[in-house]
């Protein structure tokens, strides 16, 4: 059955929907409980939900904005249910972000930024250009500056190591892309695992990462 993807303003998110979002990952140690998600409703602009036969399969909190004039998609957090079509759900979430970005920023390259705690979730950035950080590559001064800008936008100014892109946690829950898939694990984990070696999970560290959705890819739909 095809997925149904709906995006609306976070202000329109009901308490019952919040409860449903929390239940999606209630068996995992993400910290995305109803209390935390209610705060995200206030902090982000858009909520996208993916349903299959009216059953919630995944969601994301996000915003489209300009950072210093540069168009950007910022994913505050995303979560995908663990099931056989998890990869397709994540792809549907990202496709919805790109669709809206094309409408908001036609003919422009768009920066896509979020946070990760697991290398498998980096599959969300498939199709993006110049993803940072990357294994074995030293970030340029401009890329490091983008990392600091994103950390500030995520409310963690001064806590980013702009060489490793590790954002030091403070023990509280941090939004990130919550995703796992056996299909994605082998390749992505092997390539990207070193980027996560120095994360302190107990402290709540995460990796700030970004890439570029190029204008021609957005226009052609190839990125999704």
Protein backbone atom coordinates (compact mmCIF):
# COMPACT_ATOMS: atom_id res chain seq x y z
CA UNK A 1 0.00 0.00 0.00
CA UNK A 2 1.24 3.49 -0.84
CA UNK A 3 2.29 5.87 1.90
CA UNK A 4 0.33 9.01 2.64
CA UNK A 5 2.50 11.98 3.62
CA UNK A 6 0.97 15.01 5.28
CA UNK A 7 2.74 18.19 6.37
CA UNK A 8 1.16 20.91 8.48
CA UNK A 9 2.10 23.63 10.93
CA UNK A 10 3.27 22.31 14.28
CA UNK A 11 0.71 24.58 15.95
CA UNK A 12 -2.01 22.37 14.45
CA UNK A 13 -0.59 19.24 16.12
CA UNK A 14 -3.10 17.90 18.64
CA UNK A 15 -2.33 16.30 21.97
CA UNK A 16 -3.64 12.97 20.68
CA UNK A 17 -1.25 13.18 17.72
CA UNK A 18 1.61 13.96 20.10
CA UNK A 19 0.76 10.82 22.03
CA UNK A 20 0.80 8.83 18.79
CA UNK A 21 4.22 10.26 17.88
CA UNK A 22 5.58 9.33 21.30
CA UNK A 23 4.18 5.79 21.03
CA UNK A 24 6.00 5.26 17.72
CA UNK A 25 9.37 5.10 19.46
CA UNK A 26 8.23 4.37 22.99
CA UNK A 27 10.22 1.12 23.09
CA UNK A 28 13.50 2.85 22.20
CA UNK A 29 15.82 5.02 24.29
CA UNK A 30 15.44 8.16 22.17
CA UNK A 31 13.94 10.36 24.86
CA UNK A 32 11.20 11.36 22.42
CA UNK A 33 8.42 11.13 24.99
CA UNK A 34 5.28 13.24 24.94
CA UNK A 35 6.82 15.90 27.18
CA UNK A 36 9.80 16.35 24.91
CA UNK A 37 7.70 16.28 21.73
CA UNK A 38 5.34 18.93 23.08
CA UNK A 39 8.35 21.25 23.38
CA UNK A 40 9.33 20.45 19.79
CA UNK A 41 5.84 21.50 18.72
CA UNK A 42 6.71 24.96 20.00
CA UNK A 43 10.25 25.08 18.60
CA UNK A 44 9.73 23.94 15.01
CA UNK A 45 7.46 25.10 12.21
CA UNK A 46 6.42 21.98 10.27
CA UNK A 47 5.42 18.45 11.20
CA UNK A 48 5.42 15.79 8.47
CA UNK A 49 3.74 12.45 9.11
CA UNK A 50 3.96 9.29 7.00
CA UNK A 51 1.06 6.86 7.27
CA UNK A 52 0.34 3.46 5.77
CA UNK A 53 -3.28 2.35 5.92
CA UNK A 54 -3.82 5.15 8.48
CA UNK A 55 -1.06 3.77 10.71
CA UNK A 56 1.77 6.16 11.62
CA UNK A 57 5.09 4.92 10.23
CA UNK A 58 7.32 7.95 10.65
CA UNK A 59 7.46 11.69 11.24
CA UNK A 60 9.74 14.71 11.27
CA UNK A 61 9.83 18.17 12.83
CA UNK A 62 11.44 20.68 10.50
CA UNK A 63 11.62 24.19 9.18
CA UNK A 64 12.47 25.90 5.91
CA UNK A 65 14.40 29.10 6.48
CA UNK A 66 17.32 31.18 5.35
CA UNK A 67 20.51 31.18 7.36
CA UNK A 68 22.50 34.26 6.45
CA UNK A 69 20.63 34.35 3.15
CA UNK A 70 21.25 30.67 2.35
CA UNK A 71 18.11 28.54 1.95
CA UNK A 72 18.04 25.65 4.37
CA UNK A 73 16.05 22.61 5.42
CA UNK A 74 16.57 22.01 9.12
CA UNK A 75 15.41 18.71 10.58
CA UNK A 76 14.92 19.15 14.29
CA UNK A 77 14.24 15.45 14.66
CA UNK A 78 12.78 12.54 12.76
CA UNK A 79 11.70 9.07 13.79
CA UNK A 80 10.86 5.99 11.72
CA UNK A 81 9.11 2.87 13.01
CA UNK A 82 11.15 -0.33 12.88
CA UNK A 83 9.53 -2.43 10.20
CA UNK A 84 10.21 -3.95 6.80
CA UNK A 85 9.58 -0.72 4.87
CA UNK A 86 11.56 1.61 7.12
CA UNK A 87 13.87 2.65 4.27
CA UNK A 88 10.90 3.70 2.15
CA UNK A 89 9.40 5.66 5.04
CA UNK A 90 12.61 7.63 5.55
CA UNK A 91 12.80 8.27 1.82
CA UNK A 92 9.21 9.57 1.89
CA UNK A 93 10.06 11.92 4.76
CA UNK A 94 13.06 13.34 2.92
CA UNK A 95 11.17 13.57 -0.39
CA UNK A 96 8.56 15.71 1.36
CA UNK A 97 11.28 18.05 2.62
CA UNK A 98 12.71 18.41 -0.88
CA UNK A 99 9.29 18.97 -2.42
CA UNK A 100 8.57 21.84 -0.08
CA UNK A 101 12.07 23.26 -0.49
CA UNK A 102 11.61 23.37 -4.27
CA UNK A 103 8.41 25.36 -3.81
CA UNK A 104 10.00 27.75 -1.30
CA UNK A 105 13.40 28.14 -2.96
CA UNK A 106 13.08 27.52 -6.72
CA UNK A 107 16.36 27.54 -8.68
CA UNK A 108 18.51 27.61 -5.52
CA UNK A 109 20.82 25.12 -3.86
CA UNK A 110 19.51 24.24 -0.40
CA UNK A 111 21.52 23.27 2.66
CA UNK A 112 20.12 20.31 4.61
CA UNK A 113 21.19 20.08 8.24
CA UNK A 114 20.35 17.82 11.17
CA UNK A 115 21.85 15.72 13.97
CA UNK A 116 22.69 12.02 14.13
CA UNK A 117 23.62 9.55 16.87
CA UNK A 118 24.01 6.47 14.66
CA UNK A 119 25.85 6.07 11.35
CA UNK A 120 22.99 4.04 9.81
CA UNK A 121 20.72 7.09 9.94
CA UNK A 122 23.07 8.94 7.59
CA UNK A 123 21.28 7.13 4.78
CA UNK A 124 18.86 10.07 5.08
CA UNK A 125 21.47 12.15 3.23
CA UNK A 126 21.60 9.87 0.19
CA UNK A 127 21.66 12.03 -2.93
CA UNK A 128 23.02 15.15 -1.25
CA UNK A 129 26.23 16.76 -2.46
CA UNK A 130 29.28 17.60 -0.33
CA UNK A 131 28.07 15.93 2.86
CA UNK A 132 30.03 17.08 5.94
CA UNK A 133 31.58 15.52 7.91
CA UNK A 134 33.00 12.75 5.76
CA UNK A 135 35.44 9.98 6.73
CA UNK A 136 39.06 10.89 6.06
CA UNK A 137 38.30 14.42 4.94
CA UNK A 138 39.31 17.60 6.74
CA UNK A 139 36.58 20.22 6.76
CA UNK A 140 37.32 23.60 5.22
CA UNK A 141 36.99 26.83 7.17
CA UNK A 142 33.63 27.54 5.58
CA UNK A 143 32.35 24.04 6.37
CA UNK A 144 33.42 24.42 9.97
CA UNK A 145 31.62 27.76 10.09
CA UNK A 146 28.46 26.06 8.83
CA UNK A 147 28.77 23.49 11.60
CA UNK A 148 28.92 26.28 14.20
CA UNK A 149 25.94 28.05 12.64
CA UNK A 150 23.88 24.89 12.78
CA UNK A 151 24.89 24.15 16.38
CA UNK A 152 23.75 27.64 17.31
CA UNK A 153 20.48 27.16 15.46
CA UNK A 154 19.96 23.89 17.35
CA UNK A 155 20.35 25.79 20.62
CA UNK A 156 23.83 24.47 21.44
CA UNK A 157 26.08 27.44 20.72
CA UNK A 158 29.66 26.86 21.86
CA UNK A 159 29.28 23.10 22.31
CA UNK A 160 30.43 21.96 18.86
CA UNK A 161 33.89 20.64 18.10
CA UNK A 162 34.13 22.13 14.61
CA UNK A 163 36.81 19.66 13.53
CA UNK A 164 34.93 16.48 14.38
CA UNK A 165 31.40 18.01 14.25
CA UNK A 166 30.60 16.32 17.55
CA UNK A 167 28.07 18.29 19.56
CA UNK A 168 28.67 17.75 23.27
CA UNK A 169 25.52 16.77 25.13
CA UNK A 170 24.47 18.11 28.49
CA UNK A 171 22.58 15.03 29.64
CA UNK A 172 19.28 16.15 28.16
CA UNK A 173 17.48 14.75 25.12
CA UNK A 174 18.70 16.11 21.78
CA UNK A 175 16.71 15.88 18.58
CA UNK A 176 18.19 13.61 15.92
CA UNK A 177 17.23 11.27 13.09
CA UNK A 178 16.04 8.08 14.77
CA UNK A 179 16.29 5.37 12.13
CA UNK A 180 17.53 1.82 11.78
CA UNK A 181 17.37 -0.65 8.93
CA UNK A 182 19.12 -3.91 8.22
CA UNK A 183 19.15 -2.95 4.55
CA UNK A 184 21.13 0.22 5.22
CA UNK A 185 23.35 -1.04 8.02
CA UNK A 186 26.14 -2.85 6.20
CA UNK A 187 27.27 -0.16 3.78
CA UNK A 188 26.51 3.02 5.72
CA UNK A 189 27.75 1.74 9.08
CA UNK A 190 31.01 0.51 7.61
CA UNK A 191 31.71 3.79 5.80
CA UNK A 192 30.53 6.26 8.43
CA UNK A 193 31.10 4.51 11.76
CA UNK A 194 34.46 6.23 12.44
CA UNK A 195 32.69 9.59 12.57
CA UNK A 196 30.79 8.40 15.63
CA UNK A 197 33.66 6.78 17.54
CA UNK A 198 34.15 9.67 19.94
CA UNK A 199 30.49 10.25 20.84
CA UNK A 200 29.68 9.92 24.53
CA UNK A 201 26.22 8.36 24.47
CA UNK A 202 25.79 8.75 28.21
CA UNK A 203 26.31 12.50 27.94
CA UNK A 204 23.94 12.71 24.99
CA UNK A 205 26.46 13.64 22.30
CA UNK A 206 25.43 13.77 18.65
CA UNK A 207 26.95 14.52 15.27
CA UNK A 208 25.96 17.70 13.45
CA UNK A 209 25.93 17.02 9.70
CA UNK A 210 24.84 18.79 6.56
CA UNK A 211 24.85 18.45 2.79
CA UNK A 212 23.54 20.27 -0.25
CA UNK A 213 20.40 19.59 -2.25
CA UNK A 214 21.43 21.04 -5.60
CA UNK A 215 18.90 23.10 -7.54
CA UNK A 216 18.98 20.84 -10.60
CA UNK A 217 18.44 17.72 -8.47
CA UNK A 218 15.50 19.31 -6.67
CA UNK A 219 13.93 20.41 -9.94
CA UNK A 220 14.30 16.98 -11.56
CA UNK A 221 13.27 15.01 -8.48
CA UNK A 222 16.42 12.87 -8.73
CA UNK A 223 17.42 13.57 -5.15
CA UNK A 224 14.34 11.83 -3.79
